Amino acid sequence: MNIRLNNKADIQIHNSEDIYSVMQRILMREEKVDRGREHFWTISLDNANKILNIELVSMGSFRATIVEPMEVFSVPLQKRAVRLVLVHNHPSGTLKPSESDKDVTNHLIQVGNIMNVFVIDHLIITESSYYSFANSGLLEELSKSLKYVPAFEIKRRYEKQAEEKGKEKGKKEERKEMARMMKKENYPVEEIIKLTGLTKTVINRLKTE
């Protein structure tokens, strides 16, 4: 369900307080009986963090709502979103994320990474306050999890790391060769250190023949 918000295209998200300000208004529009059920929304953002769309993905019971990645990313992909904010309410009033909240967030972060629609925050909201996964550091912690990362993506990441290490090793060898030539030309050691970034110990060990 698409949520209509006056001038939403002009709303730019700078922080979690901005998100809460928008979503609290949407929550308070609901009838009291529906505020007693869990809602799960997505906020699609463009490169400038302007709101493209706000979608009510699902509405559940007092305790939980079902969230499927296909449903979560369907509209953001149609809207060409590049960033995504997840929001759900806790009718009980507690702001502590449950293990289920963490697991769902973890799953959606990893799916978003593959689709290049990056989850930048997940807010748990009540009528009077909110909890931000990003502000608490929990979002960053979950982003490091490999639980929902497919094998091909893990392989790609390790290959990229190996390539970067190889490049760095190559750069170091280039610096050593430069230092070796400078040493052969009797450049002062301090000058070689300054230009190559190598340590005095490494430079002293270099052979010029």
Foldseek 3Di string as FASTA:
>chain_A
DWDDDPPQQVQADDDVVSVCVVVLVVLVVDDPVQNQWKWKKKFFAAPRRGTQTIDGQWIGHNQDTDDDLCSHCVVNVVSVGQEMEMEMEHSVPDADDDPVNLVVLLQNQQVCVVVNHHYQWYWYDHNPDIDICNVVVNNVVSNPDCPNHDPVRVVVVVVVVVVVVVVVVVLLVVLLVVLLVCVVVVDDLVVSCVVRVDDSVSSVPDDND
